[in-house]
Every structure is written in C-alpha cells, then in structure tokens.
Amino acid sequence: MDEAHPAIRFNVAAAAIAIALILAAAAATLLAMGRPPICTCGHVALWHGAIDAGNSQHLLDWYSPSHVIHGFLFYAAGWLLLRRVPLRFRLLIAVAIEAGWELVENSPMVIDRYRTATMALGYTGDSVLNSLSDIACMMIGFAIARRLPPWVTIALAIAFELVTLAVIRDNLTLNIVMLLWPVDAIRQWQAG
C-alpha cells in the first residue's frame, strides 16, 4: 500500500521533480569532477558488451544488471524498514543513495581501488551518461521488485549474477568482495 505517513506528505509530482533534481545534481557534480559527458570515443551505444575501455561509458553494459539488483535491494530494504512511508518517498531515498554511490564510485580513491583490487585494471570511471543510466537501471529494478512476487525478484537477481559471472567472470557479489576484501585466487580466476 502507498498510504501517506502522517509526517510525510509528498505527492507524485513533487517526487518526480525531486528525482529530476537529484539526477541533475549528480550529473553536474560528475561533470565538475571531470567525468566525460559521454564516451571519449565520441559516440553513444545502447549496449557495450565488450570487456574493455568502453565499459561504463555507454548506456548499458554487463554491469547494468548489478544496478537493477540495487533496485531490488532498495525496494526490499524500504519494504522492511519504511513500510509506512509512501512508496514514492522510498524511491526518492533509493535514487539519492544510488546517485551518491555514483559520485563515490567515480572518485579518484574508488577508481584507484577498483584498478588495484579488482579485475578492472584499466578502469577510468563512468561517463556521466553511464552514471545516469545506472541510476535509471536501479529505478527499473525498484519498479520490477514492486510488481513481482519476492521469489521471482530473487530468482531474477540470482540469474543476473550467474549470467554475468559466466560471461564476464564478474558480478555484483564479486565486485563487493573484491572492493572490500580482495582475494588473490578470485582475481587470478577473473583474469582468465
């Protein structure tokens, strides 16, 4: 149910405006951080499936499913912790967190960490377009989790993890493990 919490009166239009402002602020901040607006290759691709310097530069790539899973997780956390808060406000919180992550992920400290601790040896960070697409993927995941039974959402998350693991030897779970506590055996396996 999307019943209004007494302390939070937030209509759909206000939520949409707030989300648009978060996206604009994230884009402006990423540009100010020196992130390129689009791929430095000069074009925009809907899908970039190669594991090379084009990763995180176009609209969608093999890491897009991990952002969909972020949406699943944010929906679940909101459902568990903020059930009485309107759904649109829970989405707004999720967008703010995901936008914040995009800023942190593209900081020199985290980019360097990815290069040294994960399989992303040549990683240079995301283009602004890719970061905004990642946030959109999270919102899609949030919407999917809202509509589907929990078991289907969990099955989709597992499928996304297994497919990306099989295709690129990486996924959200390994990304987190390798970012926080790198394991040499995993890094060697990922390198092929």
N, C-alpha and C. Protein backbone atom coordinates (compact mmCIF):
# COMPACT_ATOMS: atom_id res chain seq x y z
N MET A 1 0.83 -1.18 0.00
CA MET A 1 0.00 0.00 0.00
C MET A 1 0.87 1.24 0.00
N ASP A 2 0.36 2.28 -0.60
CA ASP A 2 1.07 3.54 -0.68
C ASP A 2 0.33 4.58 0.16
N GLU A 3 0.03 4.22 1.41
CA GLU A 3 -0.70 5.13 2.28
C GLU A 3 0.25 6.19 2.81
N ALA A 4 -0.24 7.40 2.96
CA ALA A 4 0.60 8.51 3.42
C ALA A 4 0.96 8.37 4.88
N HIS A 5 2.21 8.49 5.17
CA HIS A 5 2.69 8.56 6.54
C HIS A 5 2.34 9.95 7.05
N PRO A 6 1.85 10.08 8.27
CA PRO A 6 1.42 11.39 8.74
C PRO A 6 2.51 12.46 8.67
N ALA A 7 3.75 12.08 8.84
CA ALA A 7 4.82 13.08 8.85
C ALA A 7 5.32 13.41 7.45
N ILE A 8 4.90 12.63 6.44
CA ILE A 8 5.44 12.83 5.10
C ILE A 8 4.29 12.98 4.09
N ARG A 9 4.04 14.16 3.67
CA ARG A 9 3.06 14.44 2.62
C ARG A 9 3.84 14.80 1.37
N PHE A 10 3.88 13.89 0.44
CA PHE A 10 4.77 14.04 -0.70
C PHE A 10 4.05 13.50 -1.92
N ASN A 11 3.51 14.37 -2.78
CA ASN A 11 2.75 13.88 -3.92
C ASN A 11 3.66 13.40 -5.05
N VAL A 12 3.08 12.76 -6.03
CA VAL A 12 3.83 12.17 -7.13
C VAL A 12 4.60 13.23 -7.90
N ALA A 13 3.98 14.36 -8.17
CA ALA A 13 4.68 15.42 -8.92
C ALA A 13 5.90 15.92 -8.15
N ALA A 14 5.75 16.11 -6.86
CA ALA A 14 6.88 16.56 -6.05
C ALA A 14 8.00 15.52 -6.05
N ALA A 15 7.65 14.26 -5.99
CA ALA A 15 8.65 13.19 -6.03
C ALA A 15 9.37 13.19 -7.38
N ALA A 16 8.62 13.34 -8.47
CA ALA A 16 9.23 13.35 -9.80
C ALA A 16 10.18 14.53 -9.95
N ILE A 17 9.78 15.69 -9.46
CA ILE A 17 10.65 16.87 -9.51
C ILE A 17 11.90 16.65 -8.67
N ALA A 18 11.72 16.08 -7.48
CA ALA A 18 12.87 15.82 -6.60
C ALA A 18 13.84 14.84 -7.25
N ILE A 19 13.31 13.80 -7.90
CA ILE A 19 14.18 12.83 -8.58
C ILE A 19 14.92 13.51 -9.73
N ALA A 20 14.22 14.33 -10.50
CA ALA A 20 14.87 15.06 -11.60
C ALA A 20 15.98 15.96 -11.07
N LEU A 21 15.74 16.61 -9.94
CA LEU A 21 16.76 17.48 -9.34
C LEU A 21 17.97 16.67 -8.86
N ILE A 22 17.72 15.50 -8.29
CA ILE A 22 18.83 14.64 -7.86
C ILE A 22 19.65 14.22 -9.07
N LEU A 23 18.99 13.83 -10.16
CA LEU A 23 19.71 13.42 -11.37
C LEU A 23 20.52 14.59 -11.94
N ALA A 24 19.92 15.77 -11.97
CA ALA A 24 20.64 16.95 -12.47
C ALA A 24 21.83 17.29 -11.58
N ALA A 25 21.65 17.22 -10.27
CA ALA A 25 22.74 17.50 -9.34
C ALA A 25 23.86 16.47 -9.48
N ALA A 26 23.50 15.21 -9.65
CA ALA A 26 24.51 14.16 -9.84
C ALA A 26 25.29 14.41 -11.13
N ALA A 27 24.57 14.71 -12.21
CA ALA A 27 25.24 14.98 -13.49
C ALA A 27 26.17 16.19 -13.38
N ALA A 28 25.69 17.26 -12.77
CA ALA A 28 26.52 18.46 -12.62
C ALA A 28 27.75 18.18 -11.77
N THR A 29 27.58 17.41 -10.70
CA THR A 29 28.71 17.09 -9.83
C THR A 29 29.72 16.21 -10.55
N LEU A 30 29.23 15.21 -11.29
CA LEU A 30 30.14 14.35 -12.06
C LEU A 30 30.91 15.16 -13.10
N LEU A 31 30.23 16.08 -13.77
CA LEU A 31 30.93 16.95 -14.73
C LEU A 31 31.98 17.80 -14.03
N ALA A 32 31.63 18.33 -12.86
CA ALA A 32 32.57 19.14 -12.08
C ALA A 32 33.77 18.31 -11.61
N MET A 33 33.55 17.00 -11.42
CA MET A 33 34.63 16.09 -11.02
C MET A 33 35.53 15.73 -12.21
N GLY A 34 35.15 16.18 -13.40
CA GLY A 34 35.95 15.91 -14.59
C GLY A 34 35.54 14.68 -15.37
N ARG A 35 34.38 14.09 -15.03
CA ARG A 35 33.90 12.93 -15.76
C ARG A 35 33.45 13.37 -17.15
N PRO A 36 33.73 12.58 -18.19
CA PRO A 36 33.28 12.95 -19.53
C PRO A 36 31.77 12.79 -19.65
N PRO A 37 31.10 13.67 -20.39
CA PRO A 37 29.64 13.55 -20.52
C PRO A 37 29.23 12.25 -21.22
N ILE A 38 29.96 11.87 -22.27
CA ILE A 38 29.71 10.61 -22.99
C ILE A 38 31.06 9.92 -23.17
N CYS A 39 31.05 8.78 -23.79
CA CYS A 39 32.28 8.06 -24.06
C CYS A 39 33.27 8.96 -24.81
N THR A 40 34.52 8.94 -24.39
CA THR A 40 35.53 9.76 -25.08
C THR A 40 35.80 9.25 -26.50
N CYS A 41 35.21 8.09 -26.84
CA CYS A 41 35.31 7.58 -28.21
C CYS A 41 34.48 8.43 -29.17
N GLY A 42 33.58 9.26 -28.62
CA GLY A 42 32.81 10.18 -29.44
C GLY A 42 31.44 9.72 -29.86
N HIS A 43 31.04 8.53 -29.48
CA HIS A 43 29.68 8.08 -29.84
C HIS A 43 29.03 7.43 -28.62
N VAL A 44 27.72 7.25 -28.74
CA VAL A 44 26.93 6.63 -27.66
C VAL A 44 26.33 5.35 -28.20
N ALA A 45 26.58 4.26 -27.49
CA ALA A 45 26.00 2.97 -27.86
C ALA A 45 24.94 2.60 -26.83
N LEU A 46 23.86 1.99 -27.30
CA LEU A 46 22.84 1.49 -26.39
C LEU A 46 23.43 0.38 -25.53
N TRP A 47 24.21 -0.51 -26.13
CA TRP A 47 24.81 -1.65 -25.43
C TRP A 47 26.29 -1.73 -25.79
N HIS A 48 27.13 -1.90 -24.78
CA HIS A 48 28.55 -2.15 -25.00
C HIS A 48 28.87 -3.45 -24.30
N GLY A 49 29.01 -4.53 -25.06
CA GLY A 49 29.18 -5.85 -24.48
C GLY A 49 30.62 -6.30 -24.32
N ALA A 50 31.56 -5.57 -24.91
CA ALA A 50 32.97 -5.95 -24.78
C ALA A 50 33.49 -5.55 -23.41
N ILE A 51 34.45 -6.33 -22.89
CA ILE A 51 35.07 -6.01 -21.62
C ILE A 51 36.37 -5.28 -21.94
N ASP A 52 36.25 -3.97 -22.08
CA ASP A 52 37.40 -3.14 -22.46
C ASP A 52 37.17 -1.72 -21.96
N ALA A 53 37.90 -0.77 -22.52
CA ALA A 53 37.81 0.62 -22.06
C ALA A 53 36.43 1.23 -22.29
N GLY A 54 35.58 0.60 -23.08
CA GLY A 54 34.23 1.11 -23.32
C GLY A 54 33.26 0.80 -22.20
N ASN A 55 33.67 -0.09 -21.28
CA ASN A 55 32.80 -0.38 -20.12
C ASN A 55 32.53 0.90 -19.35
N SER A 56 31.32 1.04 -18.89
CA SER A 56 30.90 2.17 -18.07
C SER A 56 30.98 3.50 -18.82
N GLN A 57 30.92 3.43 -20.13
CA GLN A 57 30.97 4.65 -20.94
C GLN A 57 29.71 4.87 -21.75
N HIS A 58 28.95 3.82 -21.99
CA HIS A 58 27.76 3.91 -22.84
C HIS A 58 26.51 3.73 -21.97
N LEU A 59 25.36 3.54 -22.60
CA LEU A 59 24.12 3.42 -21.83
C LEU A 59 24.08 2.16 -20.99
N LEU A 60 24.29 1.01 -21.61
CA LEU A 60 24.18 -0.26 -20.91
C LEU A 60 25.41 -1.11 -21.18
N ASP A 61 25.81 -1.91 -20.17
CA ASP A 61 26.91 -2.84 -20.33
C ASP A 61 26.68 -4.01 -19.38
N TRP A 62 27.66 -4.87 -19.23
CA TRP A 62 27.49 -6.05 -18.40
C TRP A 62 27.33 -5.73 -16.92
N TYR A 63 27.61 -4.48 -16.53
CA TYR A 63 27.43 -4.10 -15.13
C TYR A 63 26.05 -3.49 -14.86
N SER A 64 25.27 -3.27 -15.90
CA SER A 64 23.91 -2.72 -15.73
C SER A 64 23.03 -3.63 -14.87
N PRO A 65 23.09 -4.98 -15.03
CA PRO A 65 22.26 -5.83 -14.16
C PRO A 65 22.54 -5.63 -12.67
N SER A 66 23.78 -5.28 -12.31
CA SER A 66 24.07 -5.06 -10.88
C SER A 66 23.30 -3.86 -10.35
N HIS A 67 23.08 -2.87 -11.20
CA HIS A 67 22.31 -1.70 -10.77
C HIS A 67 20.82 -2.02 -10.68
N VAL A 68 20.35 -2.93 -11.53
CA VAL A 68 18.97 -3.41 -11.39
C VAL A 68 18.82 -4.12 -10.04
N ILE A 69 19.81 -4.92 -9.69
CA ILE A 69 19.78 -5.61 -8.40
C ILE A 69 19.81 -4.60 -7.25
N HIS A 70 20.55 -3.49 -7.41
CA HIS A 70 20.49 -2.43 -6.39
C HIS A 70 19.03 -2.03 -6.16
N GLY A 71 18.29 -1.87 -7.25
CA GLY A 71 16.87 -1.50 -7.13
C GLY A 71 16.08 -2.54 -6.38
N PHE A 72 16.34 -3.82 -6.65
CA PHE A 72 15.67 -4.90 -5.90
C PHE A 72 15.96 -4.74 -4.41
N LEU A 73 17.24 -4.52 -4.09
CA LEU A 73 17.65 -4.43 -2.68
C LEU A 73 17.08 -3.19 -2.00
N PHE A 74 17.07 -2.06 -2.70
CA PHE A 74 16.49 -0.84 -2.12
C PHE A 74 14.99 -0.99 -1.88
N TYR A 75 14.31 -1.64 -2.84
CA TYR A 75 12.88 -1.87 -2.64
C TYR A 75 12.66 -2.73 -1.40
N ALA A 76 13.43 -3.82 -1.30
CA ALA A 76 13.29 -4.73 -0.16
C ALA A 76 13.59 -4.02 1.16
N ALA A 77 14.66 -3.24 1.19
CA ALA A 77 15.01 -2.51 2.41
C ALA A 77 13.91 -1.52 2.79
N GLY A 78 13.38 -0.82 1.80
CA GLY A 78 12.29 0.12 2.08
C GLY A 78 11.04 -0.59 2.58
N TRP A 79 10.76 -1.73 1.99
CA TRP A 79 9.59 -2.51 2.42
C TRP A 79 9.77 -2.99 3.85
N LEU A 80 10.98 -3.43 4.18
CA LEU A 80 11.24 -3.94 5.53
C LEU A 80 11.30 -2.83 6.59
N LEU A 81 11.94 -1.72 6.25
CA LEU A 81 12.24 -0.69 7.24
C LEU A 81 11.31 0.52 7.22
N LEU A 82 10.70 0.77 6.06
CA LEU A 82 9.93 2.01 5.91
C LEU A 82 8.53 1.75 5.34
N ARG A 83 7.92 0.67 5.75
CA ARG A 83 6.64 0.26 5.19
C ARG A 83 5.57 1.34 5.24
N ARG A 84 5.60 2.16 6.27
CA ARG A 84 4.55 3.19 6.41
C ARG A 84 4.87 4.46 5.64
N VAL A 85 6.05 4.52 5.07
CA VAL A 85 6.46 5.68 4.27
C VAL A 85 5.95 5.46 2.84
N PRO A 86 5.41 6.48 2.21
CA PRO A 86 4.90 6.31 0.84
C PRO A 86 5.97 5.77 -0.11
N LEU A 87 5.52 4.94 -1.03
CA LEU A 87 6.42 4.31 -1.99
C LEU A 87 7.25 5.34 -2.74
N ARG A 88 6.65 6.43 -3.17
CA ARG A 88 7.38 7.44 -3.93
C ARG A 88 8.52 8.04 -3.11
N PHE A 89 8.34 8.15 -1.79
CA PHE A 89 9.40 8.68 -0.94
C PHE A 89 10.51 7.63 -0.78
N ARG A 90 10.13 6.36 -0.70
CA ARG A 90 11.13 5.29 -0.64
C ARG A 90 11.95 5.26 -1.93
N LEU A 91 11.29 5.48 -3.07
CA LEU A 91 12.01 5.55 -4.34
C LEU A 91 12.96 6.74 -4.34
N LEU A 92 12.50 7.87 -3.85
CA LEU A 92 13.34 9.06 -3.78
C LEU A 92 14.60 8.79 -2.93
N ILE A 93 14.44 8.13 -1.82
CA ILE A 93 15.58 7.77 -0.97
C ILE A 93 16.54 6.85 -1.76
N ALA A 94 15.98 5.87 -2.46
CA ALA A 94 16.80 4.94 -3.25
C ALA A 94 17.57 5.69 -4.33
N VAL A 95 16.92 6.63 -5.01
CA VAL A 95 17.59 7.41 -6.06
C VAL A 95 18.72 8.24 -5.45
N ALA A 96 18.47 8.84 -4.30
CA ALA A 96 19.51 9.64 -3.65
C ALA A 96 20.71 8.78 -3.26
N ILE A 97 20.45 7.59 -2.74
CA ILE A 97 21.55 6.68 -2.36
C ILE A 97 22.32 6.24 -3.60
N GLU A 98 21.60 5.85 -4.64
CA GLU A 98 22.28 5.39 -5.87
C GLU A 98 23.08 6.53 -6.50
N ALA A 99 22.53 7.74 -6.51
CA ALA A 99 23.27 8.89 -7.05
C ALA A 99 24.51 9.15 -6.20
N GLY A 100 24.37 9.04 -4.89
CA GLY A 100 25.52 9.20 -4.01
C GLY A 100 26.59 8.17 -4.30
N TRP A 101 26.16 6.92 -4.53
CA TRP A 101 27.12 5.87 -4.86
C TRP A 101 27.84 6.20 -6.17
N GLU A 102 27.12 6.70 -7.17
CA GLU A 102 27.75 7.05 -8.44
C GLU A 102 28.84 8.11 -8.24
N LEU A 103 28.61 9.05 -7.34
CA LEU A 103 29.62 10.07 -7.06
C LEU A 103 30.83 9.44 -6.37
N VAL A 104 30.58 8.60 -5.38
CA VAL A 104 31.68 7.93 -4.66
C VAL A 104 32.44 7.01 -5.60
N GLU A 105 31.70 6.23 -6.40
CA GLU A 105 32.31 5.27 -7.32
C GLU A 105 33.24 5.96 -8.32
N ASN A 106 32.96 7.19 -8.64
CA ASN A 106 33.76 7.92 -9.62
C ASN A 106 34.77 8.87 -8.99
N SER A 107 34.99 8.71 -7.71
CA SER A 107 36.04 9.50 -7.04
C SER A 107 37.39 8.85 -7.33
N PRO A 108 38.46 9.63 -7.35
CA PRO A 108 39.78 9.06 -7.61
C PRO A 108 40.13 7.91 -6.66
N MET A 109 39.76 8.02 -5.40
CA MET A 109 40.09 6.98 -4.42
C MET A 109 39.45 5.64 -4.81
N VAL A 110 38.17 5.65 -5.17
CA VAL A 110 37.49 4.40 -5.51
C VAL A 110 37.93 3.89 -6.87
N ILE A 111 38.14 4.78 -7.84
CA ILE A 111 38.65 4.34 -9.14
C ILE A 111 39.99 3.64 -8.96
N ASP A 112 40.88 4.23 -8.15
CA ASP A 112 42.18 3.59 -7.89
C ASP A 112 42.00 2.25 -7.19
N ARG A 113 41.05 2.17 -6.27
CA ARG A 113 40.79 0.90 -5.57
C ARG A 113 40.32 -0.17 -6.56
N TYR A 114 39.42 0.21 -7.47
CA TYR A 114 38.97 -0.74 -8.49
C TYR A 114 40.16 -1.25 -9.31
N ARG A 115 41.05 -0.34 -9.68
CA ARG A 115 42.20 -0.72 -10.50
C ARG A 115 43.14 -1.68 -9.78
N THR A 116 43.33 -1.46 -8.49
CA THR A 116 44.30 -2.27 -7.76
C THR A 116 43.71 -3.54 -7.17
N ALA A 117 42.44 -3.54 -6.82
CA ALA A 117 41.86 -4.66 -6.08
C ALA A 117 40.93 -5.55 -6.89
N THR A 118 40.49 -5.09 -8.04
CA THR A 118 39.52 -5.88 -8.81
C THR A 118 40.08 -6.20 -10.19
N MET A 119 39.25 -6.84 -11.01
CA MET A 119 39.69 -7.17 -12.37
C MET A 119 39.68 -5.95 -13.30
N ALA A 120 39.22 -4.80 -12.82
CA ALA A 120 39.09 -3.59 -13.64
C ALA A 120 40.41 -2.83 -13.71
N LEU A 121 41.43 -3.48 -14.26
CA LEU A 121 42.77 -2.90 -14.27
C LEU A 121 42.83 -1.56 -15.00
N GLY A 122 42.13 -1.42 -16.10
CA GLY A 122 42.18 -0.18 -16.87
C GLY A 122 40.99 0.74 -16.62
N TYR A 123 40.26 0.49 -15.55
CA TYR A 123 39.05 1.26 -15.27
C TYR A 123 39.38 2.73 -15.06
N THR A 124 38.65 3.60 -15.73
CA THR A 124 38.87 5.04 -15.60
C THR A 124 37.66 5.75 -15.02
N GLY A 125 36.63 5.02 -14.67
CA GLY A 125 35.42 5.63 -14.16
C GLY A 125 34.33 5.66 -15.21
N ASP A 126 33.17 6.14 -14.81
CA ASP A 126 32.00 6.16 -15.69
C ASP A 126 31.90 7.49 -16.44
N SER A 127 31.26 7.44 -17.60
CA SER A 127 30.83 8.68 -18.23
C SER A 127 29.59 9.15 -17.46
N VAL A 128 29.26 10.42 -17.58
CA VAL A 128 28.07 10.94 -16.92
C VAL A 128 26.83 10.21 -17.44
N LEU A 129 26.79 9.97 -18.74
CA LEU A 129 25.66 9.26 -19.33
C LEU A 129 25.50 7.87 -18.71
N ASN A 130 26.61 7.15 -18.53
CA ASN A 130 26.54 5.83 -17.94
C ASN A 130 26.09 5.90 -16.49
N SER A 131 26.57 6.87 -15.74
CA SER A 131 26.13 7.01 -14.35
C SER A 131 24.63 7.25 -14.27
N LEU A 132 24.11 8.12 -15.14
CA LEU A 132 22.66 8.37 -15.14
C LEU A 132 21.90 7.12 -15.57
N SER A 133 22.46 6.37 -16.51
CA SER A 133 21.84 5.12 -16.93
C SER A 133 21.84 4.11 -15.78
N ASP A 134 22.94 4.07 -15.01
CA ASP A 134 23.00 3.17 -13.85
C ASP A 134 21.89 3.51 -12.85
N ILE A 135 21.66 4.80 -12.63
CA ILE A 135 20.59 5.21 -11.71
C ILE A 135 19.24 4.79 -12.28
N ALA A 136 19.06 4.95 -13.59
CA ALA A 136 17.81 4.53 -14.23
C ALA A 136 17.63 3.01 -14.10
N CYS A 137 18.71 2.24 -14.24
CA CYS A 137 18.62 0.78 -14.07
C CYS A 137 18.17 0.44 -12.66
N MET A 138 18.69 1.18 -11.66
CA MET A 138 18.26 0.95 -10.29
C MET A 138 16.76 1.21 -10.15
N MET A 139 16.27 2.31 -10.77
CA MET A 139 14.85 2.63 -10.68
C MET A 139 14.01 1.55 -11.36
N ILE A 140 14.51 0.99 -12.46
CA ILE A 140 13.81 -0.12 -13.13
C ILE A 140 13.75 -1.32 -12.20
N GLY A 141 14.87 -1.63 -11.55
CA GLY A 141 14.89 -2.74 -10.59
C GLY A 141 13.92 -2.52 -9.45
N PHE A 142 13.83 -1.30 -8.96
CA PHE A 142 12.89 -0.94 -7.89
C PHE A 142 11.46 -1.21 -8.36
N ALA A 143 11.15 -0.78 -9.59
CA ALA A 143 9.80 -0.98 -10.15
C ALA A 143 9.49 -2.46 -10.37
N ILE A 144 10.47 -3.21 -10.84
CA ILE A 144 10.28 -4.66 -11.04
C ILE A 144 9.98 -5.33 -9.70
N ALA A 145 10.78 -4.99 -8.68
CA ALA A 145 10.60 -5.61 -7.35
C ALA A 145 9.23 -5.26 -6.77
N ARG A 146 8.74 -4.09 -7.08
CA ARG A 146 7.42 -3.69 -6.58
C ARG A 146 6.31 -4.53 -7.21
N ARG A 147 6.48 -4.88 -8.47
CA ARG A 147 5.43 -5.57 -9.21
C ARG A 147 5.46 -7.10 -9.09
N LEU A 148 6.66 -7.66 -8.96
CA LEU A 148 6.78 -9.12 -9.00
C LEU A 148 6.77 -9.71 -7.60
N PRO A 149 6.36 -10.97 -7.49
CA PRO A 149 6.45 -11.65 -6.20
C PRO A 149 7.92 -11.71 -5.76
N PRO A 150 8.17 -11.68 -4.47
CA PRO A 150 9.55 -11.71 -3.98
C PRO A 150 10.38 -12.86 -4.55
N TRP A 151 9.79 -14.05 -4.65
CA TRP A 151 10.57 -15.18 -5.13
C TRP A 151 11.02 -14.99 -6.57
N VAL A 152 10.21 -14.30 -7.39
CA VAL A 152 10.60 -14.04 -8.79
C VAL A 152 11.73 -13.02 -8.83
N THR A 153 11.64 -11.99 -7.99
CA THR A 153 12.69 -10.98 -7.92
C THR A 153 14.01 -11.61 -7.48
N ILE A 154 13.95 -12.49 -6.49
CA ILE A 154 15.15 -13.18 -6.01
C ILE A 154 15.72 -14.06 -7.12
N ALA A 155 14.85 -14.77 -7.82
CA ALA A 155 15.30 -15.63 -8.93
C ALA A 155 15.96 -14.79 -10.03
N LEU A 156 15.39 -13.63 -10.33
CA LEU A 156 15.99 -12.74 -11.33
C LEU A 156 17.36 -12.26 -10.88
N ALA A 157 17.49 -11.89 -9.61
CA ALA A 157 18.78 -11.43 -9.10
C ALA A 157 19.82 -12.54 -9.22
N ILE A 158 19.45 -13.75 -8.86
CA ILE A 158 20.38 -14.88 -8.96
C ILE A 158 20.74 -15.13 -10.43
N ALA A 159 19.76 -15.05 -11.31
CA ALA A 159 20.02 -15.25 -12.74
C ALA A 159 20.98 -14.18 -13.26
N PHE A 160 20.74 -12.92 -12.91
CA PHE A 160 21.65 -11.84 -13.33
C PHE A 160 23.07 -12.11 -12.85
N GLU A 161 23.19 -12.52 -11.58
CA GLU A 161 24.51 -12.79 -11.01
C GLU A 161 25.20 -13.94 -11.74
N LEU A 162 24.45 -15.02 -12.01
CA LEU A 162 25.04 -16.18 -12.67
C LEU A 162 25.41 -15.90 -14.13
N VAL A 163 24.55 -15.17 -14.84
CA VAL A 163 24.85 -14.86 -16.24
C VAL A 163 26.09 -13.98 -16.34
N THR A 164 26.16 -12.91 -15.55
CA THR A 164 27.33 -12.04 -15.63
C THR A 164 28.59 -12.77 -15.15
N LEU A 165 28.44 -13.64 -14.17
CA LEU A 165 29.57 -14.45 -13.71
C LEU A 165 30.10 -15.32 -14.85
N ALA A 166 29.19 -15.96 -15.57
CA ALA A 166 29.57 -16.85 -16.67
C ALA A 166 30.17 -16.08 -17.85
N VAL A 167 29.61 -14.92 -18.15
CA VAL A 167 30.04 -14.19 -19.34
C VAL A 167 31.29 -13.35 -19.09
N ILE A 168 31.34 -12.62 -17.98
CA ILE A 168 32.47 -11.70 -17.77
C ILE A 168 33.31 -12.02 -16.53
N ARG A 169 32.98 -13.11 -15.85
CA ARG A 169 33.69 -13.50 -14.62
C ARG A 169 33.63 -12.42 -13.55
N ASP A 170 32.52 -11.73 -13.51
CA ASP A 170 32.31 -10.68 -12.51
C ASP A 170 30.82 -10.51 -12.31
N ASN A 171 30.45 -9.99 -11.16
CA ASN A 171 29.06 -9.68 -10.86
C ASN A 171 29.03 -8.79 -9.62
N LEU A 172 27.86 -8.45 -9.16
CA LEU A 172 27.74 -7.56 -8.00
C LEU A 172 28.40 -8.16 -6.77
N THR A 173 28.17 -9.44 -6.52
CA THR A 173 28.74 -10.08 -5.34
C THR A 173 30.26 -10.05 -5.37
N LEU A 174 30.86 -10.46 -6.48
CA LEU A 174 32.32 -10.44 -6.59
C LEU A 174 32.87 -9.02 -6.55
N ASN A 175 32.14 -8.10 -7.13
CA ASN A 175 32.57 -6.71 -7.13
C ASN A 175 32.68 -6.18 -5.70
N ILE A 176 31.69 -6.50 -4.88
CA ILE A 176 31.71 -6.06 -3.48
C ILE A 176 32.85 -6.75 -2.73
N VAL A 177 32.96 -8.06 -2.90
CA VAL A 177 34.02 -8.81 -2.21
C VAL A 177 35.39 -8.23 -2.59
N MET A 178 35.63 -8.06 -3.87
CA MET A 178 36.95 -7.63 -4.33
C MET A 178 37.23 -6.17 -3.99
N LEU A 179 36.20 -5.37 -3.87
CA LEU A 179 36.41 -3.97 -3.50
C LEU A 179 36.74 -3.85 -2.01
N LEU A 180 36.05 -4.64 -1.17
CA LEU A 180 36.23 -4.55 0.27
C LEU A 180 37.35 -5.43 0.81
N TRP A 181 37.47 -6.65 0.27
CA TRP A 181 38.45 -7.60 0.79
C TRP A 181 38.95 -8.46 -0.36
N PRO A 182 39.90 -7.93 -1.15
CA PRO A 182 40.36 -8.64 -2.35
C PRO A 182 40.94 -10.02 -2.03
N VAL A 183 40.60 -10.97 -2.88
CA VAL A 183 41.09 -12.35 -2.75
C VAL A 183 41.90 -12.65 -4.01
N ASP A 184 43.19 -12.96 -3.82
CA ASP A 184 44.07 -13.20 -4.97
C ASP A 184 43.57 -14.32 -5.87
N ALA A 185 43.03 -15.38 -5.30
CA ALA A 185 42.54 -16.50 -6.11
C ALA A 185 41.40 -16.04 -7.03
N ILE A 186 40.52 -15.18 -6.51
CA ILE A 186 39.42 -14.67 -7.35
C ILE A 186 39.97 -13.78 -8.46
N ARG A 187 40.91 -12.91 -8.11
CA ARG A 187 41.50 -12.00 -9.11
C ARG A 187 42.18 -12.81 -10.23
N GLN A 188 42.90 -13.87 -9.87
CA GLN A 188 43.56 -14.71 -10.87
C GLN A 188 42.54 -15.42 -11.75
N TRP A 189 41.46 -15.93 -11.14
CA TRP A 189 40.41 -16.58 -11.91
C TRP A 189 39.75 -15.59 -12.86
N GLN A 190 39.49 -14.36 -12.37
CA GLN A 190 38.85 -13.36 -13.21
C GLN A 190 39.74 -12.96 -14.40
N ALA A 191 41.03 -12.98 -14.19
CA ALA A 191 41.96 -12.61 -15.26
C ALA A 191 42.02 -13.67 -16.36
N GLY A 192 41.48 -14.85 -16.07
CA GLY A 192 41.37 -15.89 -17.09
C GLY A 192 42.60 -16.73 -17.13
